[in-house]
Amino acid sequence: MPSVPAKNKGGDCYKAAADYVIDHAFRSNGKKGLVLVHGEVTGQGAIDGVQYGHAWVEDGSTAIDVSNGRNINMPKPLYYAIGRIGKTIRYTPEQMREKILKHKHFGPW
């Protein structure tokens, strides 16, 4: 994969999630079933009620969030409840690769 800049300036979630998929679906032993997800999350605490775009990976029934140095693995229903996640768009690794090459950034697309 070519090196491309991240479009999002507020954090590294789009790049981090894409890198995770690249590392685990394309570079390692070709892990099957990973899905890149772009979604709308509702903030908590100081940003309670603020909606913003976010990216994470799903592996079956597990949500994986590696943004900003985290390594969160939890059941999808819990992740969706905590993040009060609304609209989502899912990409297979192949669809993700096509979007990165077409748009020259990691998202959102």
Protein backbone atom coordinates (compact mmCIF):
# COMPACT_ATOMS: atom_id res chain seq x y z
CA MET A 1 0.00 0.00 0.00
CA PRO A 2 1.31 3.47 -0.79
CA SER A 3 1.82 5.96 1.99
CA VAL A 4 -0.99 8.50 2.02
CA PRO A 5 -1.78 11.29 4.48
CA ALA A 6 -4.69 11.02 6.89
CA LYS A 7 -7.49 13.46 6.00
CA ASN A 8 -8.92 13.75 9.50
CA LYS A 9 -7.14 16.32 11.70
CA GLY A 10 -8.89 15.57 15.02
CA GLY A 11 -7.30 12.20 15.75
CA ASP A 12 -5.83 9.18 14.07
CA CYS A 13 -8.84 6.83 14.02
CA TYR A 14 -9.20 6.62 10.23
CA LYS A 15 -5.52 5.89 9.65
CA ALA A 16 -5.20 3.63 12.70
CA ALA A 17 -8.21 1.50 11.74
CA ALA A 18 -7.02 1.22 8.12
CA ASP A 19 -3.50 0.30 9.29
CA TYR A 20 -4.98 -2.42 11.50
CA VAL A 21 -6.84 -3.91 8.54
CA ILE A 22 -3.73 -3.65 6.35
CA ASP A 23 -1.58 -5.34 9.00
CA HIS A 24 -4.04 -8.13 9.74
CA ALA A 25 -5.85 -8.77 6.45
CA PHE A 26 -3.09 -8.12 3.93
CA ARG A 27 0.27 -8.48 5.67
CA SER A 28 -0.10 -11.14 8.32
CA ASN A 29 -1.63 -14.52 7.65
CA GLY A 30 -4.50 -12.91 5.76
CA LYS A 31 -7.05 -12.82 8.59
CA LYS A 32 -10.52 -13.22 7.10
CA GLY A 33 -13.67 -11.42 8.13
CA LEU A 34 -12.27 -8.05 9.18
CA VAL A 35 -14.47 -5.07 8.36
CA LEU A 36 -13.46 -1.41 8.47
CA VAL A 37 -16.29 0.73 9.86
CA HIS A 38 -16.79 4.49 9.55
CA GLY A 39 -19.55 5.73 11.79
CA GLU A 40 -21.09 8.58 13.70
CA VAL A 41 -20.32 8.55 17.41
CA THR A 42 -21.87 10.73 20.13
CA GLY A 43 -19.40 12.11 22.65
CA GLN A 44 -19.39 11.80 26.41
CA GLY A 45 -18.00 13.83 29.29
CA ALA A 46 -16.70 17.22 28.14
CA ILE A 47 -18.07 16.60 24.63
CA ASP A 48 -21.36 15.04 25.71
CA GLY A 49 -23.86 15.09 22.87
CA VAL A 50 -21.35 16.16 20.22
CA GLN A 51 -21.52 13.92 17.17
CA TYR A 52 -18.37 13.21 15.19
CA GLY A 53 -16.99 10.77 12.66
CA HIS A 54 -14.99 7.82 13.89
CA ALA A 55 -13.41 4.66 12.50
CA TRP A 56 -12.87 1.21 14.00
CA VAL A 57 -12.59 -2.42 12.92
CA GLU A 58 -14.98 -5.28 13.46
CA ASP A 59 -13.97 -8.90 13.65
CA GLY A 60 -17.13 -10.97 13.89
CA SER A 61 -18.89 -9.88 17.08
CA THR A 62 -15.91 -7.85 18.38
CA ALA A 63 -15.26 -4.13 17.91
CA ILE A 64 -11.58 -3.17 17.78
CA ASP A 65 -10.57 0.45 18.35
CA VAL A 66 -6.86 1.20 18.03
CA SER A 67 -7.16 4.98 17.68
CA ASN A 68 -4.89 7.33 19.60
CA GLY A 69 -2.74 4.48 20.93
CA ARG A 70 -5.64 2.53 22.42
CA ASN A 71 -6.22 -1.19 22.03
CA ILE A 72 -9.90 -1.64 22.79
CA ASN A 73 -11.50 -5.02 22.05
CA MET A 74 -15.09 -5.44 23.22
CA PRO A 75 -18.38 -6.94 22.13
CA LYS A 76 -19.96 -4.86 19.37
CA PRO A 77 -23.25 -4.26 21.23
CA LEU A 78 -21.35 -2.78 24.18
CA TYR A 79 -19.11 -0.66 21.94
CA TYR A 80 -22.15 0.67 20.06
CA ALA A 81 -23.98 1.45 23.30
CA ILE A 82 -21.04 3.27 24.90
CA GLY A 83 -20.37 5.29 21.74
CA ARG A 84 -24.06 5.88 21.05
CA ILE A 85 -23.18 5.00 17.47
CA GLY A 86 -25.56 6.03 14.75
CA LYS A 87 -25.06 5.70 11.02
CA THR A 88 -22.29 3.33 9.90
CA ILE A 89 -20.68 2.39 6.61
CA ARG A 90 -18.77 -0.90 6.36
CA TYR A 91 -15.90 -1.75 4.02
CA THR A 92 -14.25 -5.07 3.26
CA PRO A 93 -10.45 -4.91 3.14
CA GLU A 94 -10.62 -4.87 -0.66
CA GLN A 95 -13.17 -2.04 -0.71
CA MET A 96 -11.03 -0.12 1.78
CA ARG A 97 -7.95 -0.51 -0.42
CA GLU A 98 -9.89 0.80 -3.45
CA LYS A 99 -11.14 3.83 -1.49
CA ILE A 100 -7.65 4.68 -0.20
CA LEU A 101 -6.14 4.46 -3.67
CA LYS A 102 -8.97 6.49 -5.24
CA HIS A 103 -9.18 9.27 -2.64
CA LYS A 104 -5.54 9.30 -1.44
CA HIS A 105 -6.54 9.43 2.23
CA PHE A 106 -7.83 7.08 4.92
CA GLY A 107 -11.29 8.56 5.25
CA PRO A 108 -13.95 9.34 5.80
CA TRP A 109 -15.22 8.60 2.29
